[in-house]
């Protein structure tokens, strides 16, 4: 494990967002969804996320998540992923979303 400084961590802009749309992503190499996420004042962004083992598209709608919003966009097949949705990878390679508790203002920053 490589140690980083607090200044390195501060470079990450991690924000709260709400998933407003989830679509199948058949062109992805690994099973994934195309997510549309509302970040409040930061606007609506899109992400590809490998969440198909534990979540249905319908169960993702209106779910508040955490995402890194200041990575450069990444092209995945024919889709531009603008943010990185954060989750924990389990022993069987499923992804469990990181989610804040309670009502959180969209676009709130993690510090």
PDB file of N, CA and C in Angstrom:
ATOM      1  N   UNK A   1       0.857  -1.179   0.000  1.00  0.00           N
ATOM      2  CA  UNK A   1       0.000   0.000   0.000  1.00  0.00           C
ATOM      3  C   UNK A   1       0.897   1.234   0.000  1.00  0.00           C
ATOM      4  N   UNK A   2       0.599   2.131  -0.920  1.00  0.00           N
ATOM      5  CA  UNK A   2       1.353   3.382  -1.016  1.00  0.00           C
ATOM      6  C   UNK A   2       0.704   4.432  -0.121  1.00  0.00           C
ATOM      7  N   UNK A   3       1.512   5.079   0.715  1.00  0.00           N
ATOM      8  CA  UNK A   3       1.002   6.149   1.570  1.00  0.00           C
ATOM      9  C   UNK A   3       0.916   7.441   0.773  1.00  0.00           C
ATOM     10  N   UNK A   4      -0.146   8.199   1.019  1.00  0.00           N
ATOM     11  CA  UNK A   4      -0.292   9.502   0.384  1.00  0.00           C
ATOM     12  C   UNK A   4      -0.417  10.555   1.474  1.00  0.00           C
ATOM     13  N   UNK A   5      -0.246  11.795   1.083  1.00  0.00           N
ATOM     14  CA  UNK A   5      -0.366  12.889   2.049  1.00  0.00           C
ATOM     15  C   UNK A   5      -1.817  13.374   2.101  1.00  0.00           C
ATOM     16  N   UNK A   6      -2.135  14.121   3.120  1.00  0.00           N
ATOM     17  CA  UNK A   6      -3.468  14.727   3.225  1.00  0.00           C
ATOM     18  C   UNK A   6      -3.712  15.652   2.036  1.00  0.00           C
ATOM     19  N   UNK A   7      -2.653  16.280   1.531  1.00  0.00           N
ATOM     20  CA  UNK A   7      -2.799  17.147   0.354  1.00  0.00           C
ATOM     21  C   UNK A   7      -3.225  16.344  -0.872  1.00  0.00           C
ATOM     22  N   UNK A   8      -2.726  15.101  -0.995  1.00  0.00           N
ATOM     23  CA  UNK A   8      -3.160  14.236  -2.098  1.00  0.00           C
ATOM     24  C   UNK A   8      -4.649  13.932  -1.972  1.00  0.00           C
ATOM     25  N   UNK A   9      -5.092  13.589  -0.756  1.00  0.00           N
ATOM     26  CA  UNK A   9      -6.509  13.294  -0.529  1.00  0.00           C
ATOM     27  C   UNK A   9      -7.380  14.500  -0.847  1.00  0.00           C
ATOM     28  N   UNK A  10      -6.923  15.687  -0.467  1.00  0.00           N
ATOM     29  CA  UNK A  10      -7.705  16.911  -0.694  1.00  0.00           C
ATOM     30  C   UNK A  10      -7.903  17.220  -2.174  1.00  0.00           C
ATOM     31  N   UNK A  11      -7.108  16.606  -3.041  1.00  0.00           N
ATOM     32  CA  UNK A  11      -7.269  16.802  -4.480  1.00  0.00           C
ATOM     33  C   UNK A  11      -8.538  16.120  -5.004  1.00  0.00           C
ATOM     34  N   UNK A  12      -9.009  15.091  -4.281  1.00  0.00           N
ATOM     35  CA  UNK A  12     -10.230  14.397  -4.691  1.00  0.00           C
ATOM     36  C   UNK A  12     -11.446  15.230  -4.313  1.00  0.00           C
ATOM     37  N   UNK A  13     -12.338  15.396  -5.245  1.00  0.00           N
ATOM     38  CA  UNK A  13     -13.597  16.091  -4.975  1.00  0.00           C
ATOM     39  C   UNK A  13     -14.696  15.029  -4.942  1.00  0.00           C
ATOM     40  N   UNK A  14     -15.053  14.609  -3.723  1.00  0.00           N
ATOM     41  CA  UNK A  14     -16.056  13.565  -3.527  1.00  0.00           C
ATOM     42  C   UNK A  14     -17.353  14.249  -3.113  1.00  0.00           C
ATOM     43  N   UNK A  15     -18.420  13.990  -3.862  1.00  0.00           N
ATOM     44  CA  UNK A  15     -19.699  14.666  -3.649  1.00  0.00           C
ATOM     45  C   UNK A  15     -20.847  13.675  -3.560  1.00  0.00           C
ATOM     46  N   UNK A  16     -21.937  14.148  -2.963  1.00  0.00           N
ATOM     47  CA  UNK A  16     -23.164  13.367  -2.915  1.00  0.00           C
ATOM     48  C   UNK A  16     -23.976  13.625  -4.179  1.00  0.00           C
ATOM     49  N   UNK A  17     -24.599  12.572  -4.657  1.00  0.00           N
ATOM     50  CA  UNK A  17     -25.471  12.679  -5.817  1.00  0.00           C
ATOM     51  C   UNK A  17     -26.620  11.699  -5.686  1.00  0.00           C
ATOM     52  N   UNK A  18     -27.656  11.917  -6.472  1.00  0.00           N
ATOM     53  CA  UNK A  18     -28.819  11.017  -6.475  1.00  0.00           C
ATOM     54  C   UNK A  18     -28.957  10.419  -7.867  1.00  0.00           C
ATOM     55  N   UNK A  19     -29.046   9.092  -7.916  1.00  0.00           N
ATOM     56  CA  UNK A  19     -29.227   8.405  -9.196  1.00  0.00           C
ATOM     57  C   UNK A  19     -30.644   8.677  -9.688  1.00  0.00           C
ATOM     58  N   UNK A  20     -30.740   9.233 -10.890  1.00  0.00           N
ATOM     59  CA  UNK A  20     -32.055   9.553 -11.438  1.00  0.00           C
ATOM     60  C   UNK A  20     -32.427   8.659 -12.622  1.00  0.00           C
ATOM     61  N   UNK A  21     -31.445   7.915 -13.148  1.00  0.00           N
ATOM     62  CA  UNK A  21     -31.716   7.017 -14.260  1.00  0.00           C
ATOM     63  C   UNK A  21     -30.658   5.920 -14.269  1.00  0.00           C
ATOM     64  N   UNK A  22     -31.067   4.698 -14.586  1.00  0.00           N
ATOM     65  CA  UNK A  22     -30.140   3.571 -14.710  1.00  0.00           C
ATOM     66  C   UNK A  22     -30.537   2.747 -15.925  1.00  0.00           C
ATOM     67  N   UNK A  23     -29.586   2.528 -16.813  1.00  0.00           N
ATOM     68  CA  UNK A  23     -29.839   1.774 -18.035  1.00  0.00           C
ATOM     69  C   UNK A  23     -28.850   0.622 -18.146  1.00  0.00           C
ATOM     70  N   UNK A  24     -29.254  -0.422 -18.857  1.00  0.00           N
ATOM     71  CA  UNK A  24     -28.333  -1.511 -19.164  1.00  0.00           C
ATOM     72  C   UNK A  24     -27.189  -0.968 -20.013  1.00  0.00           C
ATOM     73  N   UNK A  25     -26.038  -1.645 -19.922  1.00  0.00           N
ATOM     74  CA  UNK A  25     -24.871  -1.233 -20.701  1.00  0.00           C
ATOM     75  C   UNK A  25     -24.288  -2.474 -21.386  1.00  0.00           C
ATOM     76  N   UNK A  26     -24.957  -2.957 -22.434  1.00  0.00           N
ATOM     77  CA  UNK A  26     -24.541  -4.211 -23.072  1.00  0.00           C
ATOM     78  C   UNK A  26     -23.157  -4.152 -23.728  1.00  0.00           C
ATOM     79  N   UNK A  27     -22.656  -2.969 -24.061  1.00  0.00           N
ATOM     80  CA  UNK A  27     -21.342  -2.863 -24.715  1.00  0.00           C
ATOM     81  C   UNK A  27     -20.180  -2.881 -23.724  1.00  0.00           C
ATOM     82  N   UNK A  28     -20.450  -2.821 -22.439  1.00  0.00           N
ATOM     83  CA  UNK A  28     -19.375  -2.859 -21.440  1.00  0.00           C
ATOM     84  C   UNK A  28     -18.736  -4.239 -21.420  1.00  0.00           C
ATOM     85  N   UNK A  29     -17.415  -4.291 -21.181  1.00  0.00           N
ATOM     86  CA  UNK A  29     -16.712  -5.577 -21.112  1.00  0.00           C
ATOM     87  C   UNK A  29     -17.186  -6.405 -19.925  1.00  0.00           C
ATOM     88  N   UNK A  30     -17.417  -5.750 -18.777  1.00  0.00           N
ATOM     89  CA  UNK A  30     -17.940  -6.409 -17.584  1.00  0.00           C
ATOM     90  C   UNK A  30     -19.349  -5.890 -17.360  1.00  0.00           C
ATOM     91  N   UNK A  31     -20.260  -6.712 -16.826  1.00  0.00           N
ATOM     92  CA  UNK A  31     -21.641  -6.259 -16.621  1.00  0.00           C
ATOM     93  C   UNK A  31     -21.698  -4.948 -15.833  1.00  0.00           C
ATOM     94  N   UNK A  32     -22.433  -3.977 -16.376  1.00  0.00           N
ATOM     95  CA  UNK A  32     -22.490  -2.642 -15.771  1.00  0.00           C
ATOM     96  C   UNK A  32     -23.789  -1.959 -16.167  1.00  0.00           C
ATOM     97  N   UNK A  33     -24.060  -0.877 -15.455  1.00  0.00           N
ATOM     98  CA  UNK A  33     -25.165   0.015 -15.792  1.00  0.00           C
ATOM     99  C   UNK A  33     -24.603   1.366 -16.210  1.00  0.00           C
ATOM    100  N   UNK A  34     -25.362   2.065 -17.027  1.00  0.00           N
ATOM    101  CA  UNK A  34     -25.104   3.471 -17.318  1.00  0.00           C
ATOM    102  C   UNK A  34     -25.993   4.269 -16.376  1.00  0.00           C
ATOM    103  N   UNK A  35     -25.372   5.061 -15.513  1.00  0.00           N
ATOM    104  CA  UNK A  35     -26.113   5.831 -14.525  1.00  0.00           C
ATOM    105  C   UNK A  35     -26.136   7.306 -14.893  1.00  0.00           C
ATOM    106  N   UNK A  36     -27.259   7.950 -14.622  1.00  0.00           N
ATOM    107  CA  UNK A  36     -27.384   9.398 -14.714  1.00  0.00           C
ATOM    108  C   UNK A  36     -27.610   9.872 -13.284  1.00  0.00           C
ATOM    109  N   UNK A  37     -26.749  10.810 -12.835  1.00  0.00           N
ATOM    110  CA  UNK A  37     -26.722  11.192 -11.426  1.00  0.00           C
ATOM    111  C   UNK A  37     -26.847  12.702 -11.293  1.00  0.00           C
ATOM    112  N   UNK A  38     -27.745  13.134 -10.402  1.00  0.00           N
ATOM    113  CA  UNK A  38     -27.960  14.557 -10.126  1.00  0.00           C
ATOM    114  C   UNK A  38     -27.072  14.964  -8.953  1.00  0.00           C
ATOM    115  N   UNK A  39     -26.177  15.919  -9.193  1.00  0.00           N
ATOM    116  CA  UNK A  39     -25.293  16.441  -8.152  1.00  0.00           C
ATOM    117  C   UNK A  39     -25.694  17.850  -7.726  1.00  0.00           C
ATOM    118  N   UNK A  40     -26.971  18.173  -7.840  1.00  0.00           N
ATOM    119  CA  UNK A  40     -27.452  19.488  -7.404  1.00  0.00           C
ATOM    120  C   UNK A  40     -26.781  20.606  -8.181  1.00  0.00           C
ATOM    121  N   UNK A  41     -26.093  21.537  -7.476  1.00  0.00           N
ATOM    122  CA  UNK A  41     -25.496  22.686  -8.154  1.00  0.00           C
ATOM    123  C   UNK A  41     -24.393  22.325  -9.158  1.00  0.00           C
ATOM    124  N   UNK A  42     -23.855  21.109  -9.075  1.00  0.00           N
ATOM    125  CA  UNK A  42     -22.822  20.682 -10.031  1.00  0.00           C
ATOM    126  C   UNK A  42     -23.429  20.157 -11.323  1.00  0.00           C
ATOM    127  N   UNK A  43     -24.740  19.956 -11.316  1.00  0.00           N
ATOM    128  CA  UNK A  43     -25.427  19.482 -12.505  1.00  0.00           C
ATOM    129  C   UNK A  43     -25.565  17.974 -12.546  1.00  0.00           C
ATOM    130  N   UNK A  44     -26.000  17.484 -13.689  1.00  0.00           N
ATOM    131  CA  UNK A  44     -26.241  16.058 -13.915  1.00  0.00           C
ATOM    132  C   UNK A  44     -25.026  15.487 -14.633  1.00  0.00           C
ATOM    133  N   UNK A  45     -24.535  14.359 -14.124  1.00  0.00           N
ATOM    134  CA  UNK A  45     -23.355  13.697 -14.693  1.00  0.00           C
ATOM    135  C   UNK A  45     -23.700  12.235 -14.947  1.00  0.00           C
ATOM    136  N   UNK A  46     -22.866  11.589 -15.767  1.00  0.00           N
ATOM    137  CA  UNK A  46     -23.097  10.181 -16.099  1.00  0.00           C
ATOM    138  C   UNK A  46     -21.920   9.330 -15.659  1.00  0.00           C
ATOM    139  N   UNK A  47     -22.213   8.067 -15.362  1.00  0.00           N
ATOM    140  CA  UNK A  47     -21.171   7.145 -14.926  1.00  0.00           C
ATOM    141  C   UNK A  47     -21.523   5.729 -15.354  1.00  0.00           C
ATOM    142  N   UNK A  48     -20.497   4.950 -15.653  1.00  0.00           N
ATOM    143  CA  UNK A  48     -20.649   3.520 -15.833  1.00  0.00           C
ATOM    144  C   UNK A  48     -20.285   2.874 -14.501  1.00  0.00           C
ATOM    145  N   UNK A  49     -21.116   1.952 -14.025  1.00  0.00           N
ATOM    146  CA  UNK A  49     -20.854   1.336 -12.726  1.00  0.00           C
ATOM    147  C   UNK A  49     -21.189  -0.151 -12.762  1.00  0.00           C
ATOM    148  N   UNK A  50     -20.272  -0.964 -12.255  1.00  0.00           N
ATOM    149  CA  UNK A  50     -20.435  -2.416 -12.236  1.00  0.00           C
ATOM    150  C   UNK A  50     -21.210  -2.827 -10.980  1.00  0.00           C
ATOM    151  N   UNK A  51     -22.503  -2.572 -11.011  1.00  0.00           N
ATOM    152  CA  UNK A  51     -23.363  -2.796  -9.847  1.00  0.00           C
ATOM    153  C   UNK A  51     -24.396  -3.896 -10.070  1.00  0.00           C
ATOM    154  N   UNK A  52     -24.274  -4.634 -11.150  1.00  0.00           N
ATOM    155  CA  UNK A  52     -25.340  -5.550 -11.558  1.00  0.00           C
ATOM    156  C   UNK A  52     -25.507  -6.769 -10.650  1.00  0.00           C
ATOM    157  N   UNK A  53     -24.501  -7.147  -9.874  1.00  0.00           N
ATOM    158  CA  UNK A  53     -24.620  -8.333  -9.007  1.00  0.00           C
ATOM    159  C   UNK A  53     -25.577  -8.107  -7.843  1.00  0.00           C
ATOM    160  N   UNK A  54     -25.593  -6.890  -7.289  1.00  0.00           N
ATOM    161  CA  UNK A  54     -26.378  -6.637  -6.078  1.00  0.00           C
ATOM    162  C   UNK A  54     -27.564  -5.700  -6.273  1.00  0.00           C
ATOM    163  N   UNK A  55     -27.618  -5.009  -7.402  1.00  0.00           N
ATOM    164  CA  UNK A  55     -28.649  -3.991  -7.590  1.00  0.00           C
ATOM    165  C   UNK A  55     -29.360  -4.170  -8.926  1.00  0.00           C
ATOM    166  N   UNK A  56     -30.667  -3.987  -8.922  1.00  0.00           N
ATOM    167  CA  UNK A  56     -31.413  -3.889 -10.172  1.00  0.00           C
ATOM    168  C   UNK A  56     -31.415  -2.420 -10.583  1.00  0.00           C
ATOM    169  N   UNK A  57     -31.736  -2.175 -11.829  1.00  0.00           N
ATOM    170  CA  UNK A  57     -31.833  -0.777 -12.296  1.00  0.00           C
ATOM    171  C   UNK A  57     -32.859  -0.024 -11.455  1.00  0.00           C
ATOM    172  N   UNK A  58     -33.975  -0.667 -11.197  1.00  0.00           N
ATOM    173  CA  UNK A  58     -35.066  -0.021 -10.463  1.00  0.00           C
ATOM    174  C   UNK A  58     -34.663   0.305  -9.020  1.00  0.00           C
ATOM    175  N   UNK A  59     -33.863  -0.560  -8.405  1.00  0.00           N
ATOM    176  CA  UNK A  59     -33.467  -0.327  -7.014  1.00  0.00           C
ATOM    177  C   UNK A  59     -32.449   0.799  -6.869  1.00  0.00           C
ATOM    178  N   UNK A  60     -31.842   1.199  -7.973  1.00  0.00           N
ATOM    179  CA  UNK A  60     -30.848   2.280  -7.927  1.00  0.00           C
ATOM    180  C   UNK A  60     -31.481   3.670  -7.994  1.00  0.00           C
ATOM    181  N   UNK A  61     -32.661   3.763  -8.582  1.00  0.00           N
ATOM    182  CA  UNK A  61     -33.315   5.066  -8.753  1.00  0.00           C
ATOM    183  C   UNK A  61     -33.595   5.696  -7.388  1.00  0.00           C
ATOM    184  N   UNK A  62     -33.274   6.996  -7.279  1.00  0.00           N
ATOM    185  CA  UNK A  62     -33.455   7.805  -6.069  1.00  0.00           C
ATOM    186  C   UNK A  62     -32.492   7.448  -4.944  1.00  0.00           C
ATOM    187  N   UNK A  63     -31.482   6.660  -5.225  1.00  0.00           N
ATOM    188  CA  UNK A  63     -30.488   6.289  -4.219  1.00  0.00           C
ATOM    189  C   UNK A  63     -29.409   7.378  -4.159  1.00  0.00           C
ATOM    190  N   UNK A  64     -29.096   7.846  -2.959  1.00  0.00           N
ATOM    191  CA  UNK A  64     -28.030   8.831  -2.775  1.00  0.00           C
ATOM    192  C   UNK A  64     -26.706   8.094  -2.676  1.00  0.00           C
ATOM    193  N   UNK A  65     -25.717   8.551  -3.460  1.00  0.00           N
ATOM    194  CA  UNK A  65     -24.421   7.880  -3.544  1.00  0.00           C
ATOM    195  C   UNK A  65     -23.304   8.898  -3.328  1.00  0.00           C
ATOM    196  N   UNK A  66     -22.082   8.386  -3.264  1.00  0.00           N
ATOM    197  CA  UNK A  66     -20.880   9.214  -3.227  1.00  0.00           C
ATOM    198  C   UNK A  66     -20.092   8.948  -4.500  1.00  0.00           C
ATOM    199  N   UNK A  67     -19.520  10.014  -5.067  1.00  0.00           N
ATOM    200  CA  UNK A  67     -18.742   9.851  -6.294  1.00  0.00           C
ATOM    201  C   UNK A  67     -17.619  10.878  -6.349  1.00  0.00           C
ATOM    202  N   UNK A  68     -16.523  10.480  -6.979  1.00  0.00           N
ATOM    203  CA  UNK A  68     -15.442  11.415  -7.285  1.00  0.00           C
ATOM    204  C   UNK A  68     -15.859  12.142  -8.554  1.00  0.00           C
ATOM    205  N   UNK A  69     -15.937  13.469  -8.461  1.00  0.00           N
ATOM    206  CA  UNK A  69     -16.455  14.246  -9.595  1.00  0.00           C
ATOM    207  C   UNK A  69     -15.378  15.008 -10.364  1.00  0.00           C
ATOM    208  N   UNK A  70     -14.115  14.902  -9.929  1.00  0.00           N
ATOM    209  CA  UNK A  70     -13.087  15.682 -10.617  1.00  0.00           C
ATOM    210  C   UNK A  70     -12.029  14.829 -11.318  1.00  0.00           C
ATOM    211  N   UNK A  71     -12.375  13.585 -11.673  1.00  0.00           N
ATOM    212  CA  UNK A  71     -11.524  12.812 -12.565  1.00  0.00           C
ATOM    213  C   UNK A  71     -11.828  13.234 -13.996  1.00  0.00           C
ATOM    214  N   UNK A  72     -10.840  13.091 -14.868  1.00  0.00           N
ATOM    215  CA  UNK A  72     -11.081  13.344 -16.287  1.00  0.00           C
ATOM    216  C   UNK A  72     -12.092  12.310 -16.795  1.00  0.00           C
ATOM    217  N   UNK A  73     -12.990  12.697 -17.703  1.00  0.00           N
ATOM    218  CA  UNK A  73     -13.942  11.727 -18.261  1.00  0.00           C
ATOM    219  C   UNK A  73     -13.211  10.545 -18.883  1.00  0.00           C
ATOM    220  N   UNK A  74     -13.856   9.375 -18.813  1.00  0.00           N
ATOM    221  CA  UNK A  74     -13.260   8.155 -19.330  1.00  0.00           C
ATOM    222  C   UNK A  74     -14.228   7.509 -20.306  1.00  0.00           C
ATOM    223  N   UNK A  75     -13.728   7.171 -21.473  1.00  0.00           N
ATOM    224  CA  UNK A  75     -14.547   6.526 -22.503  1.00  0.00           C
ATOM    225  C   UNK A  75     -14.590   5.024 -22.247  1.00  0.00           C
ATOM    226  N   UNK A  76     -15.795   4.495 -22.075  1.00  0.00           N
ATOM    227  CA  UNK A  76     -16.004   3.065 -21.883  1.00  0.00           C
ATOM    228  C   UNK A  76     -16.944   2.621 -22.993  1.00  0.00           C
ATOM    229  N   UNK A  77     -16.407   1.836 -23.922  1.00  0.00           N
ATOM    230  CA  UNK A  77     -17.120   1.488 -25.150  1.00  0.00           C
ATOM    231  C   UNK A  77     -17.532   2.792 -25.832  1.00  0.00           C
ATOM    232  N   UNK A  78     -18.823   3.007 -26.058  1.00  0.00           N
ATOM    233  CA  UNK A  78     -19.270   4.242 -26.714  1.00  0.00           C
ATOM    234  C   UNK A  78     -19.865   5.233 -25.712  1.00  0.00           C
ATOM    235  N   UNK A  79     -19.528   5.071 -24.436  1.00  0.00           N
ATOM    236  CA  UNK A  79     -20.135   5.856 -23.357  1.00  0.00           C
ATOM    237  C   UNK A  79     -19.055   6.653 -22.631  1.00  0.00           C
ATOM    238  N   UNK A  80     -19.340   7.929 -22.359  1.00  0.00           N
ATOM    239  CA  UNK A  80     -18.390   8.759 -21.605  1.00  0.00           C
ATOM    240  C   UNK A  80     -18.799   8.791 -20.136  1.00  0.00           C
ATOM    241  N   UNK A  81     -17.961   8.196 -19.293  1.00  0.00           N
ATOM    242  CA  UNK A  81     -18.193   8.178 -17.857  1.00  0.00           C
ATOM    243  C   UNK A  81     -17.514   9.410 -17.256  1.00  0.00           C
ATOM    244  N   UNK A  82     -18.314  10.274 -16.622  1.00  0.00           N
ATOM    245  CA  UNK A  82     -17.807  11.554 -16.132  1.00  0.00           C
ATOM    246  C   UNK A  82     -17.406  11.543 -14.660  1.00  0.00           C
ATOM    247  N   UNK A  83     -17.943  10.607 -13.886  1.00  0.00           N
ATOM    248  CA  UNK A  83     -17.658  10.534 -12.455  1.00  0.00           C
ATOM    249  C   UNK A  83     -17.409   9.086 -12.064  1.00  0.00           C
ATOM    250  N   UNK A  84     -16.750   8.885 -10.914  1.00  0.00           N
ATOM    251  CA  UNK A  84     -16.498   7.551 -10.395  1.00  0.00           C
ATOM    252  C   UNK A  84     -17.362   7.335  -9.160  1.00  0.00           C
ATOM    253  N   UNK A  85     -18.358   6.469  -9.295  1.00  0.00           N
ATOM    254  CA  UNK A  85     -19.232   6.124  -8.173  1.00  0.00           C
ATOM    255  C   UNK A  85     -18.436   5.228  -7.233  1.00  0.00           C
ATOM    256  N   UNK A  86     -18.502   5.509  -5.922  1.00  0.00           N
ATOM    257  CA  UNK A  86     -17.691   4.790  -4.949  1.00  0.00           C
ATOM    258  C   UNK A  86     -18.434   3.614  -4.337  1.00  0.00           C
ATOM    259  N   UNK A  87     -17.722   2.508  -4.211  1.00  0.00           N
ATOM    260  CA  UNK A  87     -18.285   1.309  -3.611  1.00  0.00           C
ATOM    261  C   UNK A  87     -17.180   0.427  -3.064  1.00  0.00           C
ATOM    262  N   UNK A  88     -17.590  -0.595  -2.359  1.00  0.00           N
ATOM    263  CA  UNK A  88     -16.669  -1.563  -1.780  1.00  0.00           C
ATOM    264  C   UNK A  88     -16.814  -2.872  -2.553  1.00  0.00           C
ATOM    265  N   UNK A  89     -15.692  -3.437  -2.980  1.00  0.00           N
ATOM    266  CA  UNK A  89     -15.706  -4.700  -3.712  1.00  0.00           C
ATOM    267  C   UNK A  89     -15.659  -5.837  -2.694  1.00  0.00           C
ATOM    268  N   UNK A  90     -16.637  -6.735  -2.793  1.00  0.00           N
ATOM    269  CA  UNK A  90     -16.711  -7.877  -1.873  1.00  0.00           C
ATOM    270  C   UNK A  90     -15.804  -9.011  -2.357  1.00  0.00           C
ATOM    271  N   UNK A  91     -15.686 -10.051  -1.546  1.00  0.00           N
ATOM    272  CA  UNK A  91     -14.843 -11.203  -1.902  1.00  0.00           C
ATOM    273  C   UNK A  91     -15.278 -11.878  -3.199  1.00  0.00           C
ATOM    274  N   UNK A  92     -16.573 -11.800  -3.532  1.00  0.00           N
ATOM    275  CA  UNK A  92     -17.047 -12.405  -4.784  1.00  0.00           C
ATOM    276  C   UNK A  92     -17.184 -11.381  -5.914  1.00  0.00           C
ATOM    277  N   UNK A  93     -16.470 -10.260  -5.784  1.00  0.00           N
ATOM    278  CA  UNK A  93     -16.392  -9.207  -6.809  1.00  0.00           C
ATOM    279  C   UNK A  93     -17.700  -8.474  -7.068  1.00  0.00           C
ATOM    280  N   UNK A  94     -18.595  -8.477  -6.112  1.00  0.00           N
ATOM    281  CA  UNK A  94     -19.782  -7.627  -6.197  1.00  0.00           C
ATOM    282  C   UNK A  94     -19.391  -6.252  -5.630  1.00  0.00           C
ATOM    283  N   UNK A  95     -20.111  -5.224  -6.030  1.00  0.00           N
ATOM    284  CA  UNK A  95     -19.836  -3.871  -5.532  1.00  0.00           C
ATOM    285  C   UNK A  95     -20.998  -3.408  -4.664  1.00  0.00           C
ATOM    286  N   UNK A  96     -20.669  -3.010  -3.430  1.00  0.00           N
ATOM    287  CA  UNK A  96     -21.640  -2.450  -2.496  1.00  0.00           C
ATOM    288  C   UNK A  96     -21.437  -0.944  -2.489  1.00  0.00           C
ATOM    289  N   UNK A  97     -22.478  -0.194  -2.821  1.00  0.00           N
ATOM    290  CA  UNK A  97     -22.378   1.261  -2.886  1.00  0.00           C
ATOM    291  C   UNK A  97     -22.073   1.880  -1.524  1.00  0.00           C
ATOM    292  N   UNK A  98     -21.243   2.928  -1.532  1.00  0.00           N
ATOM    293  CA  UNK A  98     -21.058   3.758  -0.346  1.00  0.00           C
ATOM    294  C   UNK A  98     -22.166   4.799  -0.377  1.00  0.00           C
ATOM    295  N   UNK A  99     -22.914   4.890   0.726  1.00  0.00           N
ATOM    296  CA  UNK A  99     -24.054   5.796   0.765  1.00  0.00           C
ATOM    297  C   UNK A  99     -24.076   6.566   2.084  1.00  0.00           C
ATOM    298  N   UNK A 100     -24.332   7.874   2.014  1.00  0.00           N
ATOM    299  CA  UNK A 100     -24.484   8.636   3.257  1.00  0.00           C
ATOM    300  C   UNK A 100     -25.817   8.303   3.919  1.00  0.00           C
ATOM    301  N   UNK A 101     -25.891   8.503   5.225  1.00  0.00           N
ATOM    302  CA  UNK A 101     -27.144   8.301   5.960  1.00  0.00           C
ATOM    303  C   UNK A 101     -27.946   9.591   5.999  1.00  0.00           C
ATOM    304  N   UNK A 102     -29.259   9.457   6.081  1.00  0.00           N
ATOM    305  CA  UNK A 102     -30.128  10.615   6.248  1.00  0.00           C
ATOM    306  C   UNK A 102     -30.272  11.437   4.988  1.00  0.00           C
ATOM    307  N   UNK A 103     -30.966  12.556   5.150  1.00  0.00           N
ATOM    308  CA  UNK A 103     -31.174  13.479   4.033  1.00  0.00           C
ATOM    309  C   UNK A 103     -29.948  14.371   3.891  1.00  0.00           C
ATOM    310  N   UNK A 104     -29.302  14.301   2.757  1.00  0.00           N
ATOM    311  CA  UNK A 104     -28.089  15.057   2.481  1.00  0.00           C
ATOM    312  C   UNK A 104     -28.345  15.925   1.246  1.00  0.00           C
ATOM    313  N   UNK A 105     -27.909  17.162   1.298  1.00  0.00           N
ATOM    314  CA  UNK A 105     -28.034  18.066   0.158  1.00  0.00           C
ATOM    315  C   UNK A 105     -27.185  17.536  -0.995  1.00  0.00           C
ATOM    316  N   UNK A 106     -27.802  17.433  -2.175  1.00  0.00           N
ATOM    317  CA  UNK A 106     -27.070  16.973  -3.354  1.00  0.00           C
ATOM    318  C   UNK A 106     -25.908  17.910  -3.649  1.00  0.00           C
ATOM    319  N   UNK A 107     -24.772  17.325  -3.972  1.00  0.00           N
ATOM    320  CA  UNK A 107     -23.575  18.104  -4.256  1.00  0.00           C
ATOM    321  C   UNK A 107     -22.740  18.387  -3.032  1.00  0.00           C
ATOM    322  N   UNK A 108     -23.171  17.924  -1.854  1.00  0.00           N
ATOM    323  CA  UNK A 108     -22.377  18.139  -0.635  1.00  0.00           C
ATOM    324  C   UNK A 108     -21.023  17.455  -0.776  1.00  0.00           C
ATOM    325  N   UNK A 109     -20.006  18.089  -0.217  1.00  0.00           N
ATOM    326  CA  UNK A 109     -18.629  17.608  -0.327  1.00  0.00           C
ATOM    327  C   UNK A 109     -18.242  16.748   0.865  1.00  0.00           C
ATOM    328  N   UNK A 110     -17.477  15.696   0.597  1.00  0.00           N
ATOM    329  CA  UNK A 110     -16.903  14.867   1.642  1.00  0.00           C
ATOM    330  C   UNK A 110     -15.581  15.502   2.067  1.00  0.00           C
ATOM    331  N   UNK A 111     -15.390  15.599   3.371  1.00  0.00           N
ATOM    332  CA  UNK A 111     -14.110  16.191   3.839  1.00  0.00           C
ATOM    333  C   UNK A 111     -13.468  15.311   4.876  1.00  0.00           C
TER     334      UNK A 111
END
